[in-house]
Amino acid sequence: QVQLVESGGGLVQAGASLRLSCAASGRTFSTYAMGWFRQAPGKEHEFLAGISWSGGATFYADSVKGRFTIFRDNAKNTMYLQMNSLKPEDTALYYCARKYSSGRYYSYRPEEYDYWGQGTQVTVSS
């Protein structure tokens, strides 16, 4: 059984930075690609960024490219999302997820991820 626990969310002003963490249980963390998603009220899950099992490859959605950075520390079973220049439209519940499907290390499709955390709220005021 795999558990993912996000932390680091909060209420910040526009332009501020936050770093989210995703702590994973189990011994298989380092063998899976991972991703970050977010969901705003009344909207679908939005893919933000993906990272390969080794951390050597990353991919970003256009909405966060240049502002967010995904990275991982396999020795600590933890993945991170560094978020800079936050905007009010970044307000959402942020999730980390494990990609189980084969092929590319990232996917925009939530159904290609099997384990999800409970989410951490990020609220950006203007």
Foldseek 3Di string as FASTA:
>chain_A
DKAWAKDWADEEAAQAKIKMKIAMDDDCLLQFKKFKWWDAPPGDIFTAKIAGSNRPDMDGDPVQPPFWDWGADSVRRMIMIIGGRDDQVVWTWMKMFTFDDDDDRDDRDPVRTDYMHPTDTHGYHD
